[in-house]
Structure formats: structure tokens, C-alpha cells
Amino acid sequence: MYYGRIAALLAAFAIACNARGEIEQSTIPFDAQAAVEEWLAAWNTRDLGRIEGLFLADSSVSYLSSERGGLIQGPAAVREHHVSMGFVEGGLIPQQELWVEELRAQSYGSAAVLTGIWYYGDRAAPRDSVQRGPMTAVYVQADGGYRIAHMHFAEYR
């Protein structure tokens, strides 16, 4: 299991590297803040179609969730995971909010790695009263933009 997680991250990095191990420059600029805002908007409205459009439509897409154990692999499994968390076509009115702080981004040619701390609950509540934890998202160039190839959430307990 541990090696599968590492393999997913290394695969994304390998996409960005050429045979000599040098990072190739991307022809499409990566805007980390816009990527996170787009993902948060889809997540906070539980819009299944919108969230699906952010992920790579390829069997290599993977997800490690704080909500369940094990690697979620492939578009159908990522979709089913979101459905199990209440996502529906067209979305819903949110009851609580997900947000990210301490966002950091590093581009590696045609791939980018985002890290941050996620929070879920009432933004006005004390920090120690809402769910929170570290997150990582690996974006790769696909379909004329960037798509999520791997996402990982953990929760501080």
C-alpha cells in the first residue's frame, strides 16, 4: 500500500521529466490559486459533474481519502467516492465549508504539486473545533489544461 502511494507521486513527477532527468518546461502556465479555488467551489457545492471535470479521466488517477482507508484508483472509483460523500449532479447548497490555508505550489514542467492544510466546518469557529489536516494534490497537463492526477487527504486527530 505504501509503495502504491509513492508510485503515484513518482509517476506524476516522471511525466514532467525527460529521459535525462531534466524538467521540461510547460507550455501552459499553472495557476495554483485558481486551481484550488476551482476545486473548492466544486467541493463546497457537492457538484459531481464539476468535481469530475477536475480529475484526470484516466485509469492512473488516484485518491487517498481521510474518509476511508485504501487507495481509490480510476475515474469510476473516484466518482463513487464523491457520491458516497454526498456529491450529486448539479450540486447542493453547502451546510459547512471546506477551505485550504498554507497553500504551497511547486511546478515541475508539465506537472505541479500543491500542498496545504484543509479545514472543514464553520470558518468562524475556533480552529481546534473543525476538522482539519494536510492535503496534497498532483496536477498534470491534460486536455489543454491541468487535471488532478492524484489527491491525498489526511486528518489531524
N, C-alpha and C. Protein backbone atom coordinates (compact mmCIF):
# COMPACT_ATOMS: atom_id res chain seq x y z
N MET A 1 0.83 -1.19 0.00
CA MET A 1 0.00 0.00 0.00
C MET A 1 0.88 1.25 0.00
N TYR A 2 1.86 1.31 0.88
CA TYR A 2 2.76 2.46 0.98
C TYR A 2 3.47 2.69 -0.34
N TYR A 3 3.91 1.60 -0.99
CA TYR A 3 4.64 1.74 -2.24
C TYR A 3 3.72 2.22 -3.36
N GLY A 4 2.45 1.87 -3.31
CA GLY A 4 1.49 2.36 -4.31
C GLY A 4 1.32 3.86 -4.23
N ARG A 5 1.32 4.41 -3.02
CA ARG A 5 1.19 5.85 -2.83
C ARG A 5 2.40 6.57 -3.40
N ILE A 6 3.56 6.06 -3.10
CA ILE A 6 4.78 6.66 -3.61
C ILE A 6 4.83 6.54 -5.13
N ALA A 7 4.40 5.41 -5.65
CA ALA A 7 4.43 5.20 -7.09
C ALA A 7 3.55 6.22 -7.82
N ALA A 8 2.39 6.55 -7.25
CA ALA A 8 1.51 7.53 -7.89
C ALA A 8 2.17 8.89 -7.97
N LEU A 9 2.83 9.30 -6.90
CA LEU A 9 3.51 10.59 -6.90
C LEU A 9 4.70 10.59 -7.85
N LEU A 10 5.45 9.51 -7.85
CA LEU A 10 6.61 9.42 -8.75
C LEU A 10 6.18 9.39 -10.21
N ALA A 11 5.06 8.75 -10.48
CA ALA A 11 4.56 8.71 -11.86
C ALA A 11 4.23 10.11 -12.36
N ALA A 12 3.61 10.89 -11.50
CA ALA A 12 3.28 12.27 -11.90
C ALA A 12 4.55 13.07 -12.15
N PHE A 13 5.54 12.88 -11.31
CA PHE A 13 6.80 13.60 -11.49
C PHE A 13 7.51 13.12 -12.75
N ALA A 14 7.44 11.82 -13.02
CA ALA A 14 8.10 11.28 -14.21
C ALA A 14 7.50 11.84 -15.49
N ILE A 15 6.21 12.13 -15.47
CA ILE A 15 5.57 12.72 -16.65
C ILE A 15 6.24 14.03 -17.00
N ALA A 16 6.68 14.75 -15.97
CA ALA A 16 7.27 16.07 -16.19
C ALA A 16 8.75 16.02 -16.56
N CYS A 17 9.38 14.89 -16.45
CA CYS A 17 10.83 14.79 -16.69
C CYS A 17 11.11 14.11 -18.03
N ASN A 18 12.17 14.55 -18.69
CA ASN A 18 12.55 13.88 -19.91
C ASN A 18 13.54 12.76 -19.59
N ALA A 19 14.05 12.07 -20.59
CA ALA A 19 14.91 10.91 -20.37
C ALA A 19 16.19 11.23 -19.62
N ARG A 20 16.69 12.47 -19.69
CA ARG A 20 17.91 12.83 -18.98
C ARG A 20 17.63 13.27 -17.55
N GLY A 21 16.36 13.25 -17.14
CA GLY A 21 16.02 13.64 -15.79
C GLY A 21 15.87 15.14 -15.61
N GLU A 22 15.91 15.90 -16.70
CA GLU A 22 15.72 17.33 -16.62
C GLU A 22 14.25 17.64 -16.73
N ILE A 23 13.81 18.67 -16.06
CA ILE A 23 12.40 19.04 -16.09
C ILE A 23 12.11 19.83 -17.36
N GLU A 24 11.14 19.35 -18.12
CA GLU A 24 10.73 20.04 -19.33
C GLU A 24 9.82 21.21 -18.95
N GLN A 25 9.93 22.28 -19.66
CA GLN A 25 9.10 23.45 -19.39
C GLN A 25 7.70 23.24 -19.98
N SER A 26 6.70 23.66 -19.24
CA SER A 26 5.32 23.56 -19.67
C SER A 26 5.01 24.68 -20.65
N THR A 27 4.13 24.39 -21.57
CA THR A 27 3.66 25.43 -22.49
C THR A 27 2.41 26.11 -21.93
N ILE A 28 1.84 25.54 -20.87
CA ILE A 28 0.64 26.11 -20.24
C ILE A 28 1.00 26.49 -18.81
N PRO A 29 0.87 27.76 -18.45
CA PRO A 29 1.20 28.16 -17.08
C PRO A 29 0.22 27.55 -16.07
N PHE A 30 0.71 27.22 -14.91
CA PHE A 30 -0.12 26.65 -13.85
C PHE A 30 -0.42 27.72 -12.81
N ASP A 31 -1.68 27.97 -12.53
CA ASP A 31 -2.11 28.95 -11.56
C ASP A 31 -2.66 28.19 -10.35
N ALA A 32 -1.83 28.03 -9.32
CA ALA A 32 -2.18 27.23 -8.14
C ALA A 32 -3.42 27.77 -7.44
N GLN A 33 -3.48 29.08 -7.25
CA GLN A 33 -4.61 29.66 -6.54
C GLN A 33 -5.92 29.42 -7.30
N ALA A 34 -5.89 29.60 -8.61
CA ALA A 34 -7.09 29.37 -9.42
C ALA A 34 -7.49 27.89 -9.38
N ALA A 35 -6.51 26.99 -9.42
CA ALA A 35 -6.80 25.55 -9.37
C ALA A 35 -7.48 25.19 -8.05
N VAL A 36 -6.97 25.70 -6.95
CA VAL A 36 -7.55 25.40 -5.64
C VAL A 36 -8.94 26.03 -5.52
N GLU A 37 -9.10 27.25 -5.98
CA GLU A 37 -10.41 27.90 -5.91
C GLU A 37 -11.46 27.14 -6.73
N GLU A 38 -11.05 26.66 -7.90
CA GLU A 38 -11.96 25.88 -8.74
C GLU A 38 -12.36 24.58 -8.05
N TRP A 39 -11.37 23.89 -7.46
CA TRP A 39 -11.64 22.65 -6.75
C TRP A 39 -12.53 22.90 -5.53
N LEU A 40 -12.24 23.95 -4.74
CA LEU A 40 -13.04 24.25 -3.56
C LEU A 40 -14.49 24.61 -3.94
N ALA A 41 -14.67 25.35 -5.02
CA ALA A 41 -16.02 25.71 -5.46
C ALA A 41 -16.82 24.46 -5.82
N ALA A 42 -16.19 23.52 -6.50
CA ALA A 42 -16.86 22.26 -6.85
C ALA A 42 -17.14 21.43 -5.60
N TRP A 43 -16.18 21.37 -4.69
CA TRP A 43 -16.33 20.57 -3.48
C TRP A 43 -17.39 21.16 -2.57
N ASN A 44 -17.36 22.46 -2.37
CA ASN A 44 -18.29 23.09 -1.44
C ASN A 44 -19.74 23.08 -1.90
N THR A 45 -19.96 22.90 -3.18
CA THR A 45 -21.34 22.78 -3.69
C THR A 45 -21.72 21.32 -3.93
N ARG A 46 -20.79 20.42 -3.68
CA ARG A 46 -21.00 18.97 -3.88
C ARG A 46 -21.48 18.67 -5.30
N ASP A 47 -20.91 19.40 -6.27
CA ASP A 47 -21.29 19.26 -7.67
C ASP A 47 -20.47 18.14 -8.31
N LEU A 48 -21.12 17.01 -8.50
CA LEU A 48 -20.44 15.81 -9.00
C LEU A 48 -19.83 16.03 -10.38
N GLY A 49 -20.57 16.60 -11.31
CA GLY A 49 -20.04 16.83 -12.66
C GLY A 49 -18.87 17.78 -12.66
N ARG A 50 -18.98 18.81 -11.87
CA ARG A 50 -17.90 19.81 -11.78
C ARG A 50 -16.63 19.22 -11.17
N ILE A 51 -16.78 18.42 -10.12
CA ILE A 51 -15.59 17.83 -9.47
C ILE A 51 -14.96 16.79 -10.39
N GLU A 52 -15.79 16.02 -11.10
CA GLU A 52 -15.25 15.01 -12.02
C GLU A 52 -14.40 15.65 -13.11
N GLY A 53 -14.81 16.83 -13.58
CA GLY A 53 -14.08 17.51 -14.64
C GLY A 53 -12.71 17.99 -14.23
N LEU A 54 -12.44 18.01 -12.94
CA LEU A 54 -11.14 18.46 -12.45
C LEU A 54 -10.11 17.34 -12.40
N PHE A 55 -10.58 16.10 -12.41
CA PHE A 55 -9.68 14.95 -12.31
C PHE A 55 -9.31 14.41 -13.68
N LEU A 56 -8.15 13.83 -13.77
CA LEU A 56 -7.67 13.18 -14.97
C LEU A 56 -8.63 12.04 -15.31
N ALA A 57 -9.09 11.96 -16.54
CA ALA A 57 -10.01 10.91 -16.98
C ALA A 57 -9.18 9.74 -17.52
N ASP A 58 -8.46 9.11 -16.63
CA ASP A 58 -7.50 8.08 -16.99
C ASP A 58 -7.43 7.06 -15.85
N SER A 59 -7.17 5.82 -16.16
CA SER A 59 -7.13 4.78 -15.12
C SER A 59 -6.03 5.00 -14.09
N SER A 60 -5.08 5.88 -14.39
CA SER A 60 -4.00 6.13 -13.43
C SER A 60 -4.39 7.11 -12.32
N VAL A 61 -5.53 7.80 -12.44
CA VAL A 61 -5.94 8.77 -11.42
C VAL A 61 -6.13 8.03 -10.09
N SER A 62 -5.66 8.67 -9.00
CA SER A 62 -5.75 8.02 -7.69
C SER A 62 -6.07 9.04 -6.61
N TYR A 63 -6.56 8.52 -5.48
CA TYR A 63 -7.04 9.38 -4.39
C TYR A 63 -6.86 8.61 -3.09
N LEU A 64 -6.28 9.26 -2.10
CA LEU A 64 -6.21 8.73 -0.74
C LEU A 64 -7.02 9.67 0.12
N SER A 65 -8.08 9.16 0.72
CA SER A 65 -9.04 9.99 1.43
C SER A 65 -8.92 9.85 2.94
N SER A 66 -9.22 10.94 3.63
CA SER A 66 -9.28 10.87 5.09
C SER A 66 -10.59 10.21 5.54
N GLU A 67 -11.50 9.98 4.61
CA GLU A 67 -12.81 9.42 4.94
C GLU A 67 -12.86 7.90 4.88
N ARG A 68 -11.86 7.28 4.25
CA ARG A 68 -11.85 5.82 4.16
C ARG A 68 -10.44 5.33 3.90
N GLY A 69 -10.18 4.09 4.22
CA GLY A 69 -8.86 3.52 4.01
C GLY A 69 -8.68 3.03 2.59
N GLY A 70 -7.44 2.86 2.20
CA GLY A 70 -7.11 2.28 0.92
C GLY A 70 -7.02 3.28 -0.21
N LEU A 71 -6.37 2.85 -1.28
CA LEU A 71 -6.19 3.68 -2.47
C LEU A 71 -7.44 3.61 -3.33
N ILE A 72 -7.94 4.76 -3.72
CA ILE A 72 -9.06 4.86 -4.64
C ILE A 72 -8.44 5.05 -6.02
N GLN A 73 -8.66 4.12 -6.94
CA GLN A 73 -7.95 4.11 -8.22
C GLN A 73 -8.92 4.12 -9.38
N GLY A 74 -8.72 5.03 -10.33
CA GLY A 74 -9.51 5.10 -11.55
C GLY A 74 -10.69 6.05 -11.44
N PRO A 75 -11.13 6.59 -12.58
CA PRO A 75 -12.21 7.57 -12.59
C PRO A 75 -13.52 7.08 -11.96
N ALA A 76 -13.90 5.83 -12.22
CA ALA A 76 -15.16 5.32 -11.66
C ALA A 76 -15.09 5.25 -10.13
N ALA A 77 -13.97 4.83 -9.60
CA ALA A 77 -13.81 4.74 -8.15
C ALA A 77 -13.76 6.13 -7.51
N VAL A 78 -13.11 7.09 -8.17
CA VAL A 78 -13.08 8.46 -7.65
C VAL A 78 -14.49 9.04 -7.66
N ARG A 79 -15.24 8.77 -8.73
CA ARG A 79 -16.63 9.23 -8.81
C ARG A 79 -17.45 8.63 -7.67
N GLU A 80 -17.35 7.32 -7.49
CA GLU A 80 -18.13 6.64 -6.45
C GLU A 80 -17.77 7.17 -5.06
N HIS A 81 -16.51 7.48 -4.84
CA HIS A 81 -16.10 8.06 -3.56
C HIS A 81 -16.80 9.40 -3.33
N HIS A 82 -16.84 10.22 -4.35
CA HIS A 82 -17.52 11.51 -4.21
C HIS A 82 -19.03 11.33 -4.00
N VAL A 83 -19.63 10.38 -4.70
CA VAL A 83 -21.06 10.09 -4.49
C VAL A 83 -21.29 9.67 -3.04
N SER A 84 -20.40 8.84 -2.49
CA SER A 84 -20.55 8.37 -1.11
C SER A 84 -20.43 9.52 -0.10
N MET A 85 -19.84 10.62 -0.53
CA MET A 85 -19.70 11.79 0.34
C MET A 85 -20.79 12.84 0.09
N GLY A 86 -21.81 12.47 -0.68
CA GLY A 86 -22.96 13.36 -0.88
C GLY A 86 -22.93 14.23 -2.12
N PHE A 87 -21.99 13.99 -3.03
CA PHE A 87 -21.95 14.77 -4.27
C PHE A 87 -23.07 14.31 -5.20
N VAL A 88 -23.70 15.26 -5.88
CA VAL A 88 -24.77 14.96 -6.83
C VAL A 88 -24.60 15.85 -8.06
N GLU A 89 -25.19 15.42 -9.18
CA GLU A 89 -25.18 16.24 -10.39
C GLU A 89 -25.88 17.57 -10.10
N GLY A 90 -25.25 18.66 -10.46
CA GLY A 90 -25.82 19.97 -10.24
C GLY A 90 -25.51 20.57 -8.87
N GLY A 91 -25.06 19.75 -7.93
CA GLY A 91 -24.63 20.24 -6.63
C GLY A 91 -25.75 20.49 -5.64
N LEU A 92 -25.36 20.95 -4.47
CA LEU A 92 -26.25 21.22 -3.34
C LEU A 92 -25.86 22.53 -2.68
N ILE A 93 -26.74 23.05 -1.84
CA ILE A 93 -26.40 24.22 -1.03
C ILE A 93 -25.56 23.73 0.14
N PRO A 94 -24.36 24.26 0.31
CA PRO A 94 -23.48 23.75 1.37
C PRO A 94 -23.96 24.10 2.78
N GLN A 95 -23.77 23.15 3.69
CA GLN A 95 -24.08 23.36 5.10
C GLN A 95 -22.83 23.79 5.86
N GLN A 96 -21.69 23.28 5.42
CA GLN A 96 -20.41 23.62 6.01
C GLN A 96 -19.44 23.92 4.88
N GLU A 97 -18.30 24.46 5.22
CA GLU A 97 -17.35 24.92 4.20
C GLU A 97 -16.02 24.19 4.32
N LEU A 98 -15.42 23.91 3.16
CA LEU A 98 -14.05 23.40 3.09
C LEU A 98 -13.18 24.54 2.60
N TRP A 99 -12.04 24.76 3.27
CA TRP A 99 -11.10 25.77 2.80
C TRP A 99 -9.68 25.26 3.04
N VAL A 100 -8.72 25.89 2.36
CA VAL A 100 -7.31 25.50 2.44
C VAL A 100 -6.48 26.71 2.84
N GLU A 101 -5.58 26.49 3.77
CA GLU A 101 -4.63 27.51 4.19
C GLU A 101 -3.22 26.96 4.02
N GLU A 102 -2.25 27.83 4.13
CA GLU A 102 -0.83 27.46 3.97
C GLU A 102 -0.58 26.75 2.64
N LEU A 103 -1.23 27.24 1.60
CA LEU A 103 -1.09 26.65 0.27
C LEU A 103 0.31 26.89 -0.26
N ARG A 104 0.92 25.82 -0.73
CA ARG A 104 2.23 25.90 -1.37
C ARG A 104 2.13 25.14 -2.69
N ALA A 105 2.81 25.66 -3.70
CA ALA A 105 2.78 25.02 -5.01
C ALA A 105 4.18 24.98 -5.58
N GLN A 106 4.48 23.89 -6.25
CA GLN A 106 5.75 23.75 -6.95
C GLN A 106 5.48 23.14 -8.31
N SER A 107 5.88 23.83 -9.36
CA SER A 107 5.72 23.31 -10.71
C SER A 107 6.95 22.51 -11.10
N TYR A 108 6.70 21.42 -11.82
CA TYR A 108 7.76 20.56 -12.35
C TYR A 108 7.47 20.37 -13.84
N GLY A 109 7.67 21.41 -14.60
CA GLY A 109 7.39 21.33 -16.03
C GLY A 109 5.90 21.19 -16.27
N SER A 110 5.47 20.04 -16.76
CA SER A 110 4.05 19.83 -17.06
C SER A 110 3.28 19.20 -15.91
N ALA A 111 3.86 19.23 -14.71
CA ALA A 111 3.17 18.75 -13.51
C ALA A 111 3.37 19.77 -12.40
N ALA A 112 2.47 19.76 -11.43
CA ALA A 112 2.57 20.65 -10.29
C ALA A 112 2.09 19.92 -9.05
N VAL A 113 2.73 20.21 -7.92
CA VAL A 113 2.34 19.61 -6.65
C VAL A 113 1.87 20.73 -5.73
N LEU A 114 0.66 20.60 -5.22
CA LEU A 114 0.11 21.55 -4.26
C LEU A 114 0.03 20.89 -2.90
N THR A 115 0.38 21.61 -1.87
CA THR A 115 0.21 21.13 -0.50
C THR A 115 -0.45 22.23 0.31
N GLY A 116 -1.11 21.85 1.36
CA GLY A 116 -1.75 22.82 2.24
C GLY A 116 -2.40 22.12 3.40
N ILE A 117 -3.04 22.91 4.23
CA ILE A 117 -3.81 22.39 5.35
C ILE A 117 -5.28 22.67 5.04
N TRP A 118 -6.11 21.62 5.04
CA TRP A 118 -7.53 21.78 4.78
C TRP A 118 -8.27 21.90 6.10
N TYR A 119 -9.36 22.65 6.05
CA TYR A 119 -10.26 22.82 7.19
C TYR A 119 -11.68 22.58 6.69
N TYR A 120 -12.52 21.98 7.53
CA TYR A 120 -13.91 21.74 7.14
C TYR A 120 -14.81 22.00 8.33
N GLY A 121 -15.76 22.88 8.13
CA GLY A 121 -16.71 23.21 9.19
C GLY A 121 -17.15 24.66 9.06
N ASP A 122 -17.31 25.30 10.20
CA ASP A 122 -17.71 26.70 10.27
C ASP A 122 -16.44 27.54 10.37
N ARG A 123 -16.18 28.34 9.35
CA ARG A 123 -14.95 29.14 9.29
C ARG A 123 -14.81 30.09 10.49
N ALA A 124 -15.94 30.49 11.08
CA ALA A 124 -15.91 31.41 12.23
C ALA A 124 -15.62 30.68 13.55
N ALA A 125 -15.69 29.36 13.54
CA ALA A 125 -15.46 28.58 14.77
C ALA A 125 -13.96 28.53 15.10
N PRO A 126 -13.62 28.25 16.36
CA PRO A 126 -12.20 28.10 16.72
C PRO A 126 -11.56 26.97 15.89
N ARG A 127 -10.31 27.17 15.50
CA ARG A 127 -9.60 26.21 14.63
C ARG A 127 -9.62 24.78 15.18
N ASP A 128 -9.51 24.62 16.49
CA ASP A 128 -9.46 23.26 17.04
C ASP A 128 -10.83 22.60 17.12
N SER A 129 -11.89 23.28 16.68
CA SER A 129 -13.23 22.69 16.71
C SER A 129 -13.70 22.22 15.34
N VAL A 130 -12.89 22.42 14.30
CA VAL A 130 -13.26 21.97 12.95
C VAL A 130 -12.31 20.86 12.51
N GLN A 131 -12.80 20.03 11.59
CA GLN A 131 -11.94 19.01 11.01
C GLN A 131 -10.82 19.69 10.25
N ARG A 132 -9.64 19.07 10.26
CA ARG A 132 -8.52 19.66 9.53
C ARG A 132 -7.43 18.62 9.33
N GLY A 133 -6.54 18.90 8.38
CA GLY A 133 -5.43 18.01 8.14
C GLY A 133 -4.64 18.42 6.91
N PRO A 134 -3.56 17.70 6.63
CA PRO A 134 -2.75 18.02 5.46
C PRO A 134 -3.36 17.46 4.18
N MET A 135 -3.05 18.12 3.08
CA MET A 135 -3.50 17.63 1.78
C MET A 135 -2.42 17.86 0.74
N THR A 136 -2.42 17.00 -0.26
CA THR A 136 -1.52 17.11 -1.40
C THR A 136 -2.34 16.83 -2.66
N ALA A 137 -2.12 17.62 -3.68
CA ALA A 137 -2.73 17.36 -4.99
C ALA A 137 -1.64 17.44 -6.05
N VAL A 138 -1.62 16.45 -6.91
CA VAL A 138 -0.68 16.42 -8.03
C VAL A 138 -1.49 16.69 -9.30
N TYR A 139 -1.14 17.77 -9.96
CA TYR A 139 -1.81 18.15 -11.22
C TYR A 139 -0.87 17.85 -12.37
N VAL A 140 -1.43 17.38 -13.48
CA VAL A 140 -0.65 17.15 -14.70
C VAL A 140 -1.36 17.81 -15.88
N GLN A 141 -0.58 18.12 -16.89
CA GLN A 141 -1.14 18.72 -18.10
C GLN A 141 -1.95 17.67 -18.85
N ALA A 142 -3.20 18.04 -19.16
CA ALA A 142 -4.07 17.14 -19.94
C ALA A 142 -5.24 17.95 -20.48
N ASP A 143 -5.71 17.59 -21.64
CA ASP A 143 -6.91 18.21 -22.21
C ASP A 143 -6.82 19.74 -22.29
N GLY A 144 -5.66 20.26 -22.63
CA GLY A 144 -5.49 21.69 -22.79
C GLY A 144 -5.42 22.49 -21.51
N GLY A 145 -5.23 21.82 -20.39
CA GLY A 145 -5.12 22.49 -19.09
C GLY A 145 -4.44 21.57 -18.10
N TYR A 146 -4.81 21.70 -16.86
CA TYR A 146 -4.27 20.82 -15.81
C TYR A 146 -5.40 20.05 -15.17
N ARG A 147 -5.15 18.78 -14.87
CA ARG A 147 -6.12 17.91 -14.20
C ARG A 147 -5.44 17.27 -13.00
N ILE A 148 -6.24 16.91 -12.01
CA ILE A 148 -5.73 16.24 -10.81
C ILE A 148 -5.43 14.79 -11.16
N ALA A 149 -4.17 14.39 -11.00
CA ALA A 149 -3.77 13.00 -11.23
C ALA A 149 -3.79 12.21 -9.93
N HIS A 150 -3.53 12.91 -8.82
CA HIS A 150 -3.54 12.24 -7.51
C HIS A 150 -3.90 13.27 -6.44
N MET A 151 -4.73 12.86 -5.50
CA MET A 151 -5.08 13.71 -4.37
C MET A 151 -4.96 12.88 -3.10
N HIS A 152 -4.45 13.50 -2.04
CA HIS A 152 -4.26 12.80 -0.77
C HIS A 152 -4.70 13.70 0.37
N PHE A 153 -5.60 13.20 1.20
CA PHE A 153 -6.06 13.89 2.39
C PHE A 153 -5.78 13.04 3.61
N ALA A 154 -5.34 13.67 4.67
CA ALA A 154 -5.22 13.02 5.98
C ALA A 154 -5.90 13.94 6.97
N GLU A 155 -6.18 13.44 8.15
CA GLU A 155 -6.86 14.25 9.16
C GLU A 155 -6.06 14.25 10.45
N TYR A 156 -5.90 15.44 11.02
CA TYR A 156 -5.29 15.55 12.34
C TYR A 156 -6.31 15.08 13.36
N ARG A 157 -5.91 14.27 14.29
CA ARG A 157 -6.83 13.77 15.33
C ARG A 157 -6.37 14.22 16.68
